[in-house]
Amino acid sequence: MKKISNIVSIVSITIFMILFILKFFDVLKDINTIDFRNMFVLIYLVSRLKYLELEIKDKNKKIKRLKSKLKR
């Protein structure tokens, strides 16, 4: 799940960048609207948030495991 969230965030921000650059060349004018680009930013934010949440959970588990080893 963590890997999927990371991939989704990278793909969505890449699509946003491509659409943003294409805006200057008047390519895909019909679908390249600000709402469409903002949708990819929101997808990026949500997926990145999920990725970071999972990353923190993993690190907390590792810290607990290392603390328990330290107590022994």
C-alpha atoms as a PDB file:
ATOM      1  CA  MET A   1       0.000   0.000   0.000  1.00  0.00           C
ATOM      2  CA  LYS A   2       2.850   2.331   0.819  1.00  0.00           C
ATOM      3  CA  LYS A   3       4.515   1.726  -2.510  1.00  0.00           C
ATOM      4  CA  ILE A   4       1.252   2.238  -4.392  1.00  0.00           C
ATOM      5  CA  SER A   5       0.645   5.550  -2.633  1.00  0.00           C
ATOM      6  CA  ASN A   6       4.115   6.706  -3.520  1.00  0.00           C
ATOM      7  CA  ILE A   7       3.708   5.732  -7.182  1.00  0.00           C
ATOM      8  CA  VAL A   8       0.314   7.436  -7.421  1.00  0.00           C
ATOM      9  CA  SER A   9       1.714  10.635  -5.959  1.00  0.00           C
ATOM     10  CA  ILE A  10       4.656  10.678  -8.361  1.00  0.00           C
ATOM     11  CA  VAL A  11       2.476   9.947 -11.390  1.00  0.00           C
ATOM     12  CA  SER A  12      -0.110  12.559 -10.476  1.00  0.00           C
ATOM     13  CA  ILE A  13       2.407  15.350  -9.933  1.00  0.00           C
ATOM     14  CA  THR A  14       4.134  14.384 -13.186  1.00  0.00           C
ATOM     15  CA  ILE A  15       0.851  14.593 -15.082  1.00  0.00           C
ATOM     16  CA  PHE A  16       0.202  17.954 -13.489  1.00  0.00           C
ATOM     17  CA  MET A  17       3.594  19.241 -14.597  1.00  0.00           C
ATOM     18  CA  ILE A  18       3.069  17.993 -18.136  1.00  0.00           C
ATOM     19  CA  LEU A  19      -0.345  19.632 -18.328  1.00  0.00           C
ATOM     20  CA  PHE A  20       1.040  22.822 -16.873  1.00  0.00           C
ATOM     21  CA  ILE A  21       3.755  22.984 -19.521  1.00  0.00           C
ATOM     22  CA  LEU A  22       1.308  22.101 -22.301  1.00  0.00           C
ATOM     23  CA  LYS A  23      -0.821  25.038 -21.223  1.00  0.00           C
ATOM     24  CA  PHE A  24       1.769  27.382 -22.707  1.00  0.00           C
ATOM     25  CA  PHE A  25       1.719  25.623 -26.068  1.00  0.00           C
ATOM     26  CA  ASP A  26      -2.076  25.589 -26.452  1.00  0.00           C
ATOM     27  CA  VAL A  27      -2.149  21.832 -26.694  1.00  0.00           C
ATOM     28  CA  LEU A  28      -5.179  19.908 -25.398  1.00  0.00           C
ATOM     29  CA  LYS A  29      -7.042  23.125 -24.671  1.00  0.00           C
ATOM     30  CA  ASP A  30     -10.342  21.314 -24.169  1.00  0.00           C
ATOM     31  CA  ILE A  31      -9.248  19.079 -21.313  1.00  0.00           C
ATOM     32  CA  ASN A  32      -6.362  21.122 -19.967  1.00  0.00           C
ATOM     33  CA  THR A  33      -8.354  23.328 -17.615  1.00  0.00           C
ATOM     34  CA  ILE A  34      -7.327  24.617 -14.229  1.00  0.00           C
ATOM     35  CA  ASP A  35      -9.873  22.323 -12.550  1.00  0.00           C
ATOM     36  CA  PHE A  36      -8.426  19.324 -14.309  1.00  0.00           C
ATOM     37  CA  ARG A  37      -4.892  20.259 -13.260  1.00  0.00           C
ATOM     38  CA  ASN A  38      -6.011  20.948  -9.702  1.00  0.00           C
ATOM     39  CA  MET A  39      -7.535  17.490  -9.545  1.00  0.00           C
ATOM     40  CA  PHE A  40      -4.074  16.017 -10.039  1.00  0.00           C
ATOM     41  CA  VAL A  41      -2.673  18.224  -7.307  1.00  0.00           C
ATOM     42  CA  LEU A  42      -5.371  16.975  -4.926  1.00  0.00           C
ATOM     43  CA  ILE A  43      -4.635  13.383  -5.892  1.00  0.00           C
ATOM     44  CA  TYR A  44      -0.969  14.061  -5.204  1.00  0.00           C
ATOM     45  CA  LEU A  45      -1.686  15.595  -1.803  1.00  0.00           C
ATOM     46  CA  VAL A  46      -3.985  12.794  -0.671  1.00  0.00           C
ATOM     47  CA  SER A  47      -1.711  10.005  -1.863  1.00  0.00           C
ATOM     48  CA  ARG A  48       1.369  11.681  -0.385  1.00  0.00           C
ATOM     49  CA  LEU A  49      -0.429  12.132   2.912  1.00  0.00           C
ATOM     50  CA  LYS A  50      -1.355   8.456   2.934  1.00  0.00           C
ATOM     51  CA  TYR A  51       2.223   7.483   2.081  1.00  0.00           C
ATOM     52  CA  LEU A  52       3.647   9.591   4.888  1.00  0.00           C
ATOM     53  CA  GLU A  53       1.074   8.228   7.318  1.00  0.00           C
ATOM     54  CA  LEU A  54       2.105   4.672   6.484  1.00  0.00           C
ATOM     55  CA  GLU A  55       5.767   5.628   6.701  1.00  0.00           C
ATOM     56  CA  ILE A  56       5.274   7.030  10.196  1.00  0.00           C
ATOM     57  CA  LYS A  57       3.447   3.876  11.285  1.00  0.00           C
ATOM     58  CA  ASP A  58       6.333   1.755  10.041  1.00  0.00           C
ATOM     59  CA  LYS A  59       8.872   3.895  11.826  1.00  0.00           C
ATOM     60  CA  ASN A  60       6.888   3.824  15.052  1.00  0.00           C
ATOM     61  CA  LYS A  61       6.760   0.034  14.882  1.00  0.00           C
ATOM     62  CA  LYS A  62      10.499  -0.064  14.353  1.00  0.00           C
ATOM     63  CA  ILE A  63      11.094   2.272  17.287  1.00  0.00           C
ATOM     64  CA  LYS A  64       8.921   0.117  19.552  1.00  0.00           C
ATOM     65  CA  ARG A  65      10.728  -3.010  18.430  1.00  0.00           C
ATOM     66  CA  LEU A  66      14.131  -1.434  19.056  1.00  0.00           C
ATOM     67  CA  LYS A  67      13.019  -0.152  22.472  1.00  0.00           C
ATOM     68  CA  SER A  68      11.882  -3.608  23.440  1.00  0.00           C
ATOM     69  CA  LYS A  69      15.239  -5.040  22.359  1.00  0.00           C
ATOM     70  CA  LEU A  70      17.001  -2.366  24.351  1.00  0.00           C
ATOM     71  CA  LYS A  71      15.093  -3.290  27.518  1.00  0.00           C
ATOM     72  CA  ARG A  72      16.234  -6.883  27.321  1.00  0.00           C
END
